[in-house]
Amino acid sequence: MVHAVAGHPVEASCSPLLMLITVGRLEEAGVVGLSLETTKVLRIDAVDVDAAIAAIVARHEVAEAERMRLMIKARLRNAPRAHPPVVPRFTRNPGHWLSLTSPLKHQIGSWRCTDGAQGLRAVNTLRIDEHGVHSAGTDGAGVVAVARLAGCPPDGGAVLRMRGGGGAARSTAHAWVRAGGRLHLLEGRRPLSPRPEQAILVGAEVPAVLGIDFDGESDDLGAEKHLFPRYQGEVVRHDGVLTSNVLDGRWMLVAQHLEAWRSLWAPELRDVLP
């Protein structure tokens, strides 16, 4: 199996490590058809999504891949997890998997989209196999998953206060609304389009359970908790704990990655994912 993260820049991306950790845990759980040793991870610096898709066949593995494998094996030995009672089999043809980052998320191809992300111009996940290219967008689902873990879910019309109009912001806004929440949208560098229906938009007078500034203009949007989408080159905020009022953006990256497994790469393994 081959996984690549593609975009510009990608040299500091954690996606290769996340892929190997996930495969290692699934192999530990007894999943047949996946192996840490045979999973290849790449970084592709590209500003065109078609060029990234073409490059995945010929690109060499990231230099630190073997060091990552050794580190993961040590972690598995030191912190083992019990096997689940029923272990599903990895049934898909592995093919090639891509995680897309800026500026590739808004580029749309003639792909089979599983979740409407192409309509939002918010695709961040691809699977390439003998049937073609399949796409999904997991940014928003990842944010909702982190919010639930942190105790500030969108249930019952809870408000997300958000600034931004890029692919991640579009995906997050619509995922929050689909999960039962409402939005307070702040003016940013570009407008959010398409916008959710006016009926679920609220003003500043309504308290917000979560704030996210995708434009990076403010650390405080006046919400109960704040999720910081920036993480590359940043120190871990508040030790990375989910009980803090400040949530480190790496949680969002991890949740998005696992959602890609659930929704596009290997839905049959959703119950045994770490």
Protein backbone atom coordinates (compact mmCIF):
# COMPACT_ATOMS: atom_id res chain seq x y z
CA MET A 1 0.00 0.00 0.00
CA VAL A 2 1.19 3.52 -0.80
CA HIS A 3 0.08 6.70 0.98
CA ALA A 4 1.18 10.21 0.07
CA VAL A 5 0.53 13.66 1.45
CA ALA A 6 0.50 16.22 -1.35
CA GLY A 7 0.50 20.01 -1.41
CA HIS A 8 2.86 22.91 -0.85
CA PRO A 9 4.67 22.91 1.49
CA VAL A 10 4.60 19.36 2.90
CA GLU A 11 8.11 18.78 4.25
CA ALA A 12 6.92 19.07 7.87
CA SER A 13 3.64 17.16 7.44
CA CYS A 14 2.79 14.59 10.12
CA SER A 15 0.62 12.55 7.72
CA PRO A 16 3.28 9.87 6.97
CA LEU A 17 3.71 9.24 10.69
CA LEU A 18 -0.06 9.09 11.26
CA MET A 19 -0.44 6.55 8.45
CA LEU A 20 2.26 4.28 9.86
CA ILE A 21 0.93 4.55 13.42
CA THR A 22 -2.57 3.63 12.24
CA VAL A 23 -1.34 0.66 10.19
CA GLY A 24 0.79 -0.49 13.13
CA ARG A 25 -2.17 -0.44 15.51
CA LEU A 26 -4.42 -2.23 13.00
CA GLU A 27 -1.77 -4.89 12.43
CA GLU A 28 -1.44 -5.27 16.21
CA ALA A 29 -5.22 -5.72 16.44
CA GLY A 30 -4.96 -8.69 14.08
CA VAL A 31 -6.26 -7.11 10.87
CA VAL A 32 -5.21 -9.28 7.92
CA GLY A 33 -4.03 -7.57 4.75
CA LEU A 34 -2.16 -4.62 6.29
CA SER A 35 1.50 -4.49 7.28
CA LEU A 36 3.72 -1.80 8.74
CA GLU A 37 6.66 -3.15 6.75
CA THR A 38 4.92 -3.05 3.38
CA THR A 39 3.15 0.32 3.77
CA LYS A 40 5.02 3.00 1.83
CA VAL A 41 4.68 6.68 2.83
CA LEU A 42 5.52 9.68 0.63
CA ARG A 43 5.54 13.46 0.61
CA ILE A 44 4.79 15.11 -2.74
CA ASP A 45 5.42 18.83 -3.07
CA ALA A 46 2.95 19.96 -5.73
CA VAL A 47 0.64 22.83 -6.61
CA ASP A 48 -1.41 20.80 -9.12
CA VAL A 49 -3.46 17.80 -8.06
CA ASP A 50 -3.05 15.94 -11.36
CA ALA A 51 0.72 16.25 -11.04
CA ALA A 52 0.50 14.88 -7.49
CA ILE A 53 -1.55 11.88 -8.65
CA ALA A 54 0.97 11.17 -11.41
CA ALA A 55 3.94 11.48 -9.04
CA ILE A 56 2.73 8.95 -6.49
CA VAL A 57 3.84 6.03 -8.68
CA ALA A 58 7.46 7.12 -9.08
CA ARG A 59 8.21 9.05 -5.89
CA HIS A 60 10.64 7.61 -3.32
CA GLU A 61 9.62 7.01 0.28
CA VAL A 62 10.29 9.75 2.84
CA ALA A 63 13.81 9.57 4.25
CA GLU A 64 12.71 9.10 7.86
CA ALA A 65 10.22 6.27 7.17
CA GLU A 66 12.38 3.49 8.62
CA ARG A 67 13.07 5.52 11.74
CA MET A 68 9.31 6.04 12.10
CA ARG A 69 8.71 2.29 11.83
CA LEU A 70 11.28 1.53 14.52
CA MET A 71 9.74 4.13 16.82
CA ILE A 72 6.23 2.74 16.25
CA LYS A 73 7.36 -0.84 16.89
CA ALA A 74 8.90 0.27 20.20
CA ARG A 75 5.66 2.04 21.12
CA LEU A 76 3.62 -1.07 20.31
CA ARG A 77 5.86 -3.16 22.55
CA ASN A 78 5.72 -0.69 25.43
CA ALA A 79 2.02 0.16 25.21
CA PRO A 80 0.25 -2.87 23.71
CA ARG A 81 -3.50 -2.99 23.24
CA ALA A 82 -5.80 -5.98 23.53
CA HIS A 83 -7.18 -7.61 20.40
CA PRO A 84 -10.85 -6.88 19.72
CA PRO A 85 -13.17 -9.92 19.96
CA VAL A 86 -13.96 -9.78 16.25
CA VAL A 87 -11.32 -8.61 13.79
CA PRO A 88 -12.45 -7.54 10.31
CA ARG A 89 -10.35 -8.22 7.26
CA PHE A 90 -8.91 -5.47 5.09
CA THR A 91 -10.78 -6.31 1.90
CA ARG A 92 -10.00 -3.48 -0.48
CA ASN A 93 -7.36 -3.41 -3.17
CA PRO A 94 -4.94 -1.05 -1.35
CA GLY A 95 -4.02 1.00 -4.43
CA HIS A 96 -2.73 4.51 -3.74
CA TRP A 97 -4.10 6.86 -1.07
CA LEU A 98 -3.56 10.62 -0.94
CA SER A 99 -4.05 13.24 1.75
CA LEU A 100 -4.39 16.67 0.13
CA THR A 101 -3.40 19.93 1.76
CA SER A 102 -3.22 23.51 0.54
CA PRO A 103 -3.34 24.56 -2.31
CA LEU A 104 -4.83 21.32 -3.69
CA LYS A 105 -8.06 21.08 -1.66
CA HIS A 106 -10.09 23.34 -3.94
CA GLN A 107 -8.96 21.63 -7.17
CA ILE A 108 -11.70 19.34 -8.45
CA GLY A 109 -11.30 16.48 -10.91
CA SER A 110 -13.63 13.97 -12.54
CA TRP A 111 -13.71 11.80 -9.42
CA ARG A 112 -16.27 9.64 -7.68
CA CYS A 113 -17.08 11.74 -4.61
CA THR A 114 -18.50 9.87 -1.61
CA ASP A 115 -19.76 12.76 0.53
CA GLY A 116 -20.45 15.96 -1.41
CA ALA A 117 -17.03 17.49 -0.68
CA GLN A 118 -16.52 18.39 -4.33
CA GLY A 119 -19.56 20.65 -4.22
CA LEU A 120 -17.92 22.49 -1.32
CA ARG A 121 -14.51 22.53 -3.06
CA ALA A 122 -13.18 20.90 0.10
CA VAL A 123 -11.69 17.57 -1.02
CA ASN A 124 -8.75 16.47 1.12
CA THR A 125 -8.69 12.69 0.61
CA LEU A 126 -8.29 10.51 -2.50
CA ARG A 127 -8.22 6.78 -3.18
CA ILE A 128 -6.87 5.62 -6.54
CA ASP A 129 -7.58 2.06 -7.63
CA GLU A 130 -8.49 0.05 -10.72
CA HIS A 131 -11.90 1.76 -10.79
CA GLY A 132 -10.51 5.30 -10.93
CA VAL A 133 -10.15 8.15 -8.46
CA HIS A 134 -12.48 8.39 -5.44
CA SER A 135 -12.66 11.49 -3.24
CA ALA A 136 -13.93 12.69 0.14
CA GLY A 137 -13.58 15.66 2.48
CA THR A 138 -12.84 14.91 6.14
CA ASP A 139 -11.87 18.31 7.59
CA GLY A 140 -15.31 19.05 8.99
CA ALA A 141 -15.96 15.55 10.32
CA GLY A 142 -12.60 15.75 12.06
CA VAL A 143 -13.52 19.01 13.80
CA VAL A 144 -16.86 17.56 14.94
CA ALA A 145 -15.08 14.47 16.30
CA VAL A 146 -12.61 16.61 18.28
CA ALA A 147 -15.46 18.77 19.61
CA ARG A 148 -17.27 15.68 20.87
CA LEU A 149 -14.12 14.37 22.58
CA ALA A 150 -13.53 17.78 24.17
CA GLY A 151 -17.06 18.03 25.55
CA CYS A 152 -18.34 20.79 23.25
CA PRO A 153 -20.37 18.92 20.59
CA PRO A 154 -22.73 20.58 18.08
CA ASP A 155 -25.75 18.73 19.45
CA GLY A 156 -28.92 20.67 20.19
CA GLY A 157 -28.00 23.78 18.21
CA ALA A 158 -24.68 24.50 19.95
CA VAL A 159 -22.86 27.40 18.30
CA LEU A 160 -19.52 27.30 16.49
CA ARG A 161 -17.96 30.76 16.13
CA MET A 162 -15.76 30.65 13.05
CA ARG A 163 -13.67 32.87 10.80
CA GLY A 164 -12.46 31.73 7.38
CA GLY A 165 -13.60 30.91 3.87
CA GLY A 166 -11.19 28.25 2.62
CA GLY A 167 -11.77 24.56 2.04
CA ALA A 168 -11.32 23.53 5.68
CA ALA A 169 -13.68 26.28 6.84
CA ARG A 170 -16.34 25.32 4.28
CA SER A 171 -16.12 21.67 5.26
CA THR A 172 -16.27 22.49 8.98
CA ALA A 173 -19.25 24.83 8.70
CA HIS A 174 -21.38 22.35 6.81
CA ALA A 175 -20.34 19.37 8.97
CA TRP A 176 -21.21 21.32 12.12
CA VAL A 177 -24.67 22.15 10.76
CA ARG A 178 -25.29 18.55 9.61
CA ALA A 179 -24.45 17.40 13.15
CA GLY A 180 -27.16 19.66 14.60
CA GLY A 181 -25.21 22.83 15.37
CA ARG A 182 -25.53 26.52 14.51
CA LEU A 183 -22.94 29.02 13.30
CA HIS A 184 -21.75 32.51 14.10
CA LEU A 185 -19.65 33.52 11.10
CA LEU A 186 -17.06 36.28 11.48
CA GLU A 187 -15.78 38.31 8.55
CA GLY A 188 -12.46 37.01 7.28
CA ARG A 189 -10.11 37.38 4.34
CA ARG A 190 -12.69 35.78 2.04
CA PRO A 191 -16.39 35.06 2.42
CA LEU A 192 -17.66 31.59 3.20
CA SER A 193 -19.26 30.23 0.04
CA PRO A 194 -21.48 28.29 -0.24
CA ARG A 195 -23.00 29.46 3.03
CA PRO A 196 -25.34 27.32 5.13
CA GLU A 197 -28.97 28.38 5.34
CA GLN A 198 -29.71 31.64 7.13
CA ALA A 199 -31.90 29.81 9.66
CA ILE A 200 -28.90 28.28 11.42
CA LEU A 201 -26.81 31.47 11.52
CA VAL A 202 -26.74 33.42 14.78
CA GLY A 203 -25.23 36.68 16.02
CA ALA A 204 -22.56 37.59 18.55
CA GLU A 205 -25.09 37.71 21.38
CA VAL A 206 -25.43 33.89 21.35
CA PRO A 207 -22.75 32.08 23.40
CA ALA A 208 -20.47 29.77 21.41
CA VAL A 209 -19.17 26.45 22.68
CA LEU A 210 -16.24 26.40 20.22
CA GLY A 211 -14.25 28.99 18.31
CA ILE A 212 -11.97 28.41 15.29
CA ASP A 213 -10.10 31.08 13.36
CA PHE A 214 -8.95 29.50 10.11
CA ASP A 215 -7.47 32.84 9.04
CA GLY A 216 -5.17 32.90 12.07
CA GLU A 217 -6.05 36.49 13.01
CA SER A 218 -7.06 35.92 16.64
CA ASP A 219 -6.38 33.50 19.48
CA ASP A 220 -9.65 34.38 21.24
CA LEU A 221 -13.05 34.49 19.54
CA GLY A 222 -14.97 34.67 22.82
CA ALA A 223 -16.05 31.02 22.84
CA GLU A 224 -15.95 28.53 25.71
CA LYS A 225 -13.20 26.57 23.97
CA HIS A 226 -10.90 27.32 21.05
CA LEU A 227 -9.43 24.93 18.50
CA PHE A 228 -6.28 26.17 16.77
CA PRO A 229 -6.03 24.80 13.22
CA ARG A 230 -2.35 25.72 12.95
CA TYR A 231 0.13 23.13 14.19
CA GLN A 232 3.14 22.88 11.85
CA GLY A 233 6.09 24.52 13.55
CA GLU A 234 3.96 25.32 16.61
CA VAL A 235 4.56 24.12 20.15
CA VAL A 236 1.95 21.76 21.58
CA ARG A 237 -0.66 23.92 23.28
CA HIS A 238 -1.60 23.16 26.91
CA ASP A 239 0.18 19.78 26.74
CA GLY A 240 -2.34 18.67 24.13
CA VAL A 241 -5.04 17.78 26.66
CA LEU A 242 -8.67 17.79 25.55
CA THR A 243 -9.91 19.06 28.91
CA SER A 244 -8.22 22.41 28.34
CA ASN A 245 -10.09 25.43 26.97
CA VAL A 246 -7.41 25.61 24.26
CA LEU A 247 -7.34 22.61 21.89
CA ASP A 248 -4.19 21.85 19.94
CA GLY A 249 -4.65 21.61 16.17
CA ARG A 250 -2.91 18.25 16.01
CA TRP A 251 -6.10 16.70 17.35
CA MET A 252 -7.88 17.97 14.25
CA LEU A 253 -5.23 16.43 11.98
CA VAL A 254 -5.50 13.04 13.73
CA ALA A 255 -9.30 13.07 13.60
CA GLN A 256 -9.33 14.00 9.90
CA HIS A 257 -6.89 11.19 9.14
CA LEU A 258 -8.98 8.57 10.95
CA GLU A 259 -12.13 9.86 9.26
CA ALA A 260 -10.44 9.25 5.89
CA TRP A 261 -10.02 5.60 6.87
CA ARG A 262 -13.68 5.40 7.93
CA SER A 263 -15.25 7.17 4.98
CA LEU A 264 -13.03 6.35 2.01
CA TRP A 265 -9.93 4.21 2.49
CA ALA A 266 -11.18 1.26 4.55
CA PRO A 267 -14.74 1.66 5.94
CA GLU A 268 -14.79 -2.03 6.89
CA LEU A 269 -12.18 -1.31 9.57
CA ARG A 270 -14.06 1.55 11.29
CA ASP A 271 -14.73 -0.48 14.45
CA VAL A 272 -11.07 -1.34 15.08
CA LEU A 273 -9.43 1.97 14.22
CA PRO A 274 -7.28 3.45 17.03
